[in-house]
Protein backbone atom coordinates (compact mmCIF):
# COMPACT_ATOMS: atom_id res chain seq x y z
CA MET A 1 36.51 15.15 11.74
CA ARG A 2 34.99 12.27 13.64
CA LEU A 3 31.20 12.07 13.58
CA PRO A 4 29.34 11.45 16.85
CA ASP A 5 28.60 7.78 17.45
CA ALA A 6 24.84 8.36 17.52
CA LEU A 7 24.95 10.06 14.11
CA THR A 8 27.30 7.49 12.64
CA GLN A 9 24.93 4.68 13.56
CA ARG A 10 22.16 6.37 11.57
CA LEU A 11 24.16 6.63 8.34
CA PRO A 12 24.06 3.40 6.28
CA GLY A 13 27.53 2.10 5.49
CA ARG A 14 29.40 4.60 7.71
CA THR A 15 30.09 1.97 10.37
CA GLY A 16 31.65 -0.43 7.87
CA LYS A 17 29.09 -3.09 8.82
CA PRO A 18 26.56 -4.76 6.54
CA VAL A 19 23.20 -2.99 6.32
CA VAL A 20 19.59 -4.15 6.30
CA SER A 21 17.36 -1.27 5.18
CA MET A 22 13.91 -1.12 6.78
CA VAL A 23 11.19 0.66 4.78
CA ARG A 24 7.80 1.37 6.32
CA LEU A 25 4.86 1.20 3.90
CA HIS A 26 1.92 2.49 5.91
CA GLY A 27 -1.46 3.67 4.71
CA VAL A 28 -4.05 3.29 2.01
CA ILE A 29 -2.66 2.76 -1.50
CA ALA A 30 -3.93 5.58 -3.71
CA ALA A 31 -2.83 8.09 -6.30
CA MET A 32 -4.44 10.90 -4.30
CA SER A 33 -2.30 13.64 -2.84
CA GLY A 34 -2.83 16.61 -0.58
CA PRO A 35 -3.22 17.29 3.14
CA LEU A 36 -5.85 14.59 3.69
CA PRO A 37 -5.06 11.81 4.20
CA ARG A 38 -1.43 12.00 5.28
CA SER A 39 -0.56 8.30 5.13
CA VAL A 40 -0.86 7.31 1.49
CA ILE A 41 1.24 4.81 -0.47
CA ASN A 42 1.83 5.37 -4.17
CA ALA A 43 4.66 5.13 -6.67
CA GLN A 44 5.55 8.80 -6.47
CA ALA A 45 5.49 8.95 -2.67
CA VAL A 46 7.81 5.99 -2.11
CA GLU A 47 10.19 6.29 -5.08
CA LYS A 48 12.98 8.20 -3.33
CA THR A 49 12.61 6.15 -0.16
CA LEU A 50 13.01 2.88 -2.05
CA GLU A 51 16.02 4.23 -3.93
CA ARG A 52 17.71 5.17 -0.65
CA ALA A 53 16.84 1.79 0.85
CA PHE A 54 18.62 -0.07 -1.94
CA ALA A 55 21.56 2.36 -2.15
CA PRO A 56 24.02 1.17 0.58
CA GLU A 57 27.10 -0.58 -0.79
CA LYS A 58 27.13 -3.25 1.93
CA LEU A 59 23.43 -3.99 1.66
CA SER A 60 22.46 -7.44 2.90
CA ALA A 61 18.67 -7.19 2.52
CA VAL A 62 15.72 -4.83 2.43
CA ALA A 63 12.81 -5.25 4.84
CA LEU A 64 9.33 -3.95 4.04
CA LEU A 65 7.23 -3.12 7.11
CA ILE A 66 3.73 -3.22 5.67
CA ASN A 67 0.59 -1.89 7.30
CA SER A 68 -2.03 -1.31 4.62
CA PRO A 69 -5.65 -2.27 3.95
CA GLY A 70 -5.05 -1.91 0.21
CA GLY A 71 -6.42 0.49 -2.35
CA SER A 72 -5.53 1.21 -5.96
CA PRO A 73 -4.57 -1.89 -7.98
CA THR A 74 -2.46 0.22 -10.33
CA GLN A 75 -0.46 1.91 -7.57
CA SER A 76 -0.03 -1.45 -5.82
CA ALA A 77 1.43 -2.91 -8.99
CA LEU A 78 3.64 0.11 -9.69
CA VAL A 79 5.18 0.07 -6.22
CA ALA A 80 5.63 -3.71 -6.24
CA ASP A 81 7.23 -3.64 -9.69
CA ARG A 82 9.66 -0.93 -8.55
CA ILE A 83 10.65 -2.99 -5.52
CA ARG A 84 11.34 -6.00 -7.72
CA GLN A 85 13.34 -3.92 -10.21
CA LEU A 86 15.58 -2.49 -7.49
CA ALA A 87 15.97 -5.88 -5.80
CA ASP A 88 16.98 -7.57 -9.05
CA ASP A 89 19.39 -4.76 -9.95
CA LYS A 90 21.03 -4.89 -6.53
CA GLY A 91 20.86 -8.68 -6.18
CA VAL A 92 19.62 -8.63 -2.58
CA PRO A 93 16.70 -10.42 -0.90
CA VAL A 94 13.56 -8.57 0.17
CA LEU A 95 11.64 -9.62 3.27
CA ALA A 96 8.13 -8.36 4.03
CA PHE A 97 6.71 -8.05 7.53
CA CYS A 98 2.94 -7.68 7.89
CA GLU A 99 1.89 -5.57 10.87
CA ASP A 100 -1.77 -4.89 11.70
CA VAL A 101 -2.97 -5.63 8.20
CA ALA A 102 -1.53 -6.54 4.81
CA ALA A 103 -4.72 -7.04 2.88
CA SER A 104 -5.77 -6.60 -0.73
CA GLY A 105 -3.24 -4.15 -2.21
CA GLY A 106 -1.25 -4.43 1.02
CA TYR A 107 -0.78 -8.13 0.33
CA TRP A 108 0.07 -7.29 -3.29
CA LEU A 109 2.99 -5.25 -1.90
CA ALA A 110 4.00 -8.08 0.43
CA CYS A 111 4.24 -10.44 -2.54
CA ALA A 112 6.97 -8.24 -3.99
CA ALA A 113 9.19 -9.73 -1.27
CA ASP A 114 11.02 -13.03 -1.50
CA GLU A 115 9.75 -14.00 1.95
CA ILE A 116 6.71 -12.85 3.93
CA TYR A 117 6.37 -12.85 7.71
CA ALA A 118 3.49 -11.72 9.90
CA HIS A 119 2.62 -11.32 13.53
CA PRO A 120 0.24 -14.08 14.67
CA THR A 121 -2.48 -11.43 15.08
CA SER A 122 -1.95 -9.75 11.70
CA ILE A 123 -4.74 -9.71 9.11
CA VAL A 124 -3.47 -11.11 5.80
CA GLY A 125 -4.99 -11.82 2.40
CA SER A 126 -8.15 -10.32 0.90
CA ILE A 127 -7.09 -11.32 -2.60
CA GLY A 128 -10.01 -9.74 -4.40
CA VAL A 129 -11.31 -6.50 -5.87
CA ILE A 130 -13.82 -4.09 -4.36
CA SER A 131 -15.49 -0.92 -5.61
CA SER A 132 -17.63 1.46 -3.60
CA GLY A 133 -19.58 4.63 -4.11
CA PHE A 134 -22.80 6.44 -3.27
CA GLY A 135 -26.19 6.64 -4.95
CA LEU A 136 -27.29 10.25 -4.57
CA ASP A 137 -30.11 10.39 -7.12
CA GLY A 138 -32.79 10.09 -4.45
CA LEU A 139 -31.13 12.73 -2.28
CA ILE A 140 -31.05 15.48 -4.90
CA GLU A 141 -34.62 14.63 -5.93
CA ARG A 142 -35.77 15.06 -2.33
CA PHE A 143 -34.36 18.57 -2.21
CA GLY A 144 -35.73 19.51 -5.61
CA VAL A 145 -32.35 19.66 -7.31
CA SER A 146 -32.19 18.83 -11.00
CA ARG A 147 -28.87 17.79 -12.47
CA ARG A 148 -27.97 18.73 -16.01
CA LEU A 149 -25.49 16.37 -17.62
CA TYR A 150 -24.48 16.40 -21.29
CA THR A 151 -22.29 13.73 -22.85
CA ALA A 152 -21.05 12.54 -26.22
CA GLY A 153 -20.86 8.76 -25.97
CA VAL A 154 -23.45 6.48 -24.42
CA SER A 155 -21.05 5.15 -21.75
CA LYS A 156 -19.60 8.48 -20.67
CA SER A 157 -21.90 8.85 -17.62
CA ARG A 158 -21.72 5.22 -16.58
CA LEU A 159 -22.21 4.73 -12.79
CA ASP A 160 -22.70 8.46 -12.20
CA PRO A 161 -23.70 8.70 -8.50
CA PHE A 162 -26.43 11.25 -9.29
CA LEU A 163 -28.17 8.98 -11.80
CA PRO A 164 -30.21 5.82 -11.12
CA GLU A 165 -28.10 2.67 -11.29
CA LYS A 166 -28.43 0.63 -14.48
CA PRO A 167 -28.02 -3.18 -14.49
CA GLU A 168 -25.86 -3.04 -17.62
CA ASP A 169 -23.48 -0.64 -15.89
CA VAL A 170 -23.15 -2.99 -12.92
CA ASP A 171 -22.42 -5.89 -15.29
CA TRP A 172 -19.70 -3.81 -16.93
CA LEU A 173 -18.13 -3.00 -13.55
CA ARG A 174 -18.15 -6.64 -12.49
CA GLY A 175 -16.45 -7.61 -15.74
CA LEU A 176 -13.74 -5.06 -15.05
CA GLN A 177 -13.36 -6.36 -11.51
CA ASP A 178 -12.99 -9.92 -12.82
CA GLN A 179 -10.11 -8.81 -15.03
CA LEU A 180 -8.33 -7.08 -12.15
CA HIS A 181 -8.98 -10.06 -9.89
CA GLU A 182 -7.32 -12.38 -12.40
CA MET A 183 -4.26 -10.12 -12.54
CA PHE A 184 -4.05 -10.11 -8.74
CA ARG A 185 -4.39 -13.89 -8.65
CA ASP A 186 -1.68 -14.37 -11.30
CA TRP A 187 0.68 -12.06 -9.37
CA VAL A 188 0.24 -14.02 -6.13
CA ILE A 189 0.72 -17.36 -7.89
CA THR A 190 3.81 -16.08 -9.71
CA ARG A 191 5.41 -14.76 -6.52
CA ARG A 192 4.37 -17.50 -4.06
CA GLY A 193 4.50 -20.49 -6.43
CA ASP A 194 4.46 -23.96 -4.88
CA ARG A 195 4.24 -22.51 -1.37
CA LEU A 196 0.50 -21.95 -1.82
CA THR A 197 -1.80 -24.70 -0.62
CA THR A 198 -4.31 -26.21 -3.02
CA ASP A 199 -6.71 -27.31 -0.27
CA THR A 200 -8.25 -23.86 0.24
CA ASP A 201 -9.53 -21.31 -2.25
CA LEU A 202 -7.27 -18.37 -1.46
CA PHE A 203 -8.76 -15.98 -4.00
CA THR A 204 -12.26 -15.31 -2.64
CA GLY A 205 -11.30 -12.08 -0.86
CA GLU A 206 -11.15 -13.90 2.49
CA VAL A 207 -8.66 -12.82 5.16
CA TRP A 208 -6.72 -14.86 7.70
CA THR A 209 -4.67 -14.20 10.80
CA GLY A 210 -0.91 -14.26 10.48
CA ALA A 211 -0.83 -17.57 12.34
CA ASN A 212 -3.30 -19.22 9.95
CA ALA A 213 -1.69 -17.73 6.85
CA VAL A 214 1.47 -19.82 7.24
CA PRO A 215 0.00 -23.29 6.48
CA LEU A 216 -1.86 -21.75 3.53
CA GLY A 217 1.41 -20.57 2.03
CA LEU A 218 0.40 -16.92 2.07
CA THR A 219 3.26 -16.23 4.47
CA ASP A 220 6.49 -18.03 5.31
CA GLY A 221 6.43 -17.69 9.07
CA VAL A 222 5.44 -15.64 12.09
CA GLY A 223 7.68 -13.11 13.76
CA THR A 224 8.51 -9.45 14.08
CA ALA A 225 10.94 -7.62 11.83
CA ARG A 226 13.60 -7.06 14.49
CA ALA A 227 13.46 -10.62 15.79
CA VAL A 228 13.68 -12.24 12.34
CA LEU A 229 16.27 -9.84 10.94
CA THR A 230 18.51 -9.97 14.01
CA GLU A 231 18.59 -13.75 13.83
CA ARG A 232 19.07 -13.82 10.04
CA TYR A 233 21.65 -11.01 9.85
CA PRO A 234 23.33 -10.86 13.28
CA ASP A 235 26.28 -8.75 12.05
CA ALA A 236 24.22 -6.16 10.18
CA ASP A 237 22.93 -2.74 11.19
CA LEU A 238 19.14 -2.50 10.93
CA VAL A 239 18.64 0.96 9.43
CA PRO A 240 15.18 2.56 9.12
CA VAL A 241 14.81 4.49 5.86
CA ASP A 242 12.13 7.11 6.43
CA HIS A 243 10.11 9.17 4.01
CA ARG A 244 11.63 12.64 3.80
CA LYS A 245 9.33 15.58 4.42
CA PRO A 246 9.23 18.53 2.02
CA LEU A 247 11.86 21.20 2.70
CA LEU A 248 9.39 23.74 4.14
CA ALA A 249 8.00 21.14 6.53
CA ARG A 250 11.52 20.18 7.67
CA LEU A 251 12.25 23.86 8.35
CA GLY A 252 9.02 24.20 10.33
CA LEU A 253 7.49 26.68 7.89
CA GLY A 254 3.81 26.68 7.02
CA ALA A 255 2.19 26.73 3.62
CA SER A 256 1.92 29.91 1.57
CA PRO A 257 -1.32 31.95 1.62
CA ALA A 258 -2.08 30.74 -1.91
CA ALA A 259 -1.60 27.14 -0.84
CA MET A 260 -3.85 27.75 2.17
CA ARG A 261 -6.55 29.06 -0.14
CA ASP A 262 -6.23 25.96 -2.28
CA THR A 263 -6.44 23.80 0.84
CA ARG A 264 -9.66 25.45 1.93
CA ALA A 265 -11.10 25.07 -1.55
CA ASP A 266 -10.29 21.36 -1.48
CA LEU A 267 -11.52 20.77 2.07
CA LEU A 268 -14.68 18.94 1.07
CA LEU A 269 -12.74 16.68 -1.28
CA GLY A 270 -10.21 16.02 1.46
CA LEU A 271 -12.94 15.11 3.94
CA ALA A 272 -14.47 12.71 1.43
CA GLN A 273 -11.07 11.10 0.93
CA ALA A 274 -10.65 10.81 4.68
CA VAL A 275 -14.00 9.00 4.96
CA GLU A 276 -12.92 6.55 2.25
CA VAL A 277 -9.63 5.92 4.05
CA ARG A 278 -11.42 5.36 7.36
CA ALA A 279 -13.77 2.89 5.67
CA ALA A 280 -10.83 0.97 4.16
CA TRP A 281 -9.27 0.41 7.60
CA ALA A 282 -12.65 -0.30 9.23
CA ARG A 283 -13.25 -3.29 6.96
CA TYR A 284 -10.60 -5.10 8.98
CA GLY A 285 -11.72 -3.88 12.39
CA LEU A 286 -8.99 -1.22 12.62
């Protein structure tokens, strides 16, 4: 039986032509899961997608289409390490394309590629570490609420948002951030090597446009994925590899009543996560 041409073109390797897999990595990088937010990058979420991207027999390259303001350092590292493992096993190059933003953890992901490209207007960099939270001790005091907290271990309640901030806790947090910053810096230097300029301090958390990132060595050139890949691999099929939805979602079925009850119970947590996600994008004017 002969498959329709439109379907054949969507199946990697079925045309007999070389394949360039295109994987979209869009969203904040976080271990969180659930209905809010929908666009989240983490090791679990992208595992199957990456495996499918590197699966075609006639694979010429894998392209990462990155649009992320960053997030969890651990999830950034896990996803990047998995990309490198698959690339080394398959022996194919990986090219990253920065879209609106590839900052902080988003740039960590981009450095998993052998080459990085960006649109001239992209926001690139932010090689640093940030932590945020709320101080709610004054709020609960205003409403006459007393919090009862019991711990074993003097550091167990460190940086609790309902307790007054302590200078020693802030010093501890900054020490932890310095360690993570050094790991981020070492990763960028390892991946980008001699391409990085020594005239500018690239590790202050500063961001640059895609056009200005090239002379700094943060990226290798400007251009869109289709333009660069078509020129580099003129005989290959450019095949998007999408994240697969859960079976019930693909069948158009809603969640079970029990799941709906859980969703309502977690609504406040989901809204708080959504605010954090919105803030992450807003830092770059998006």
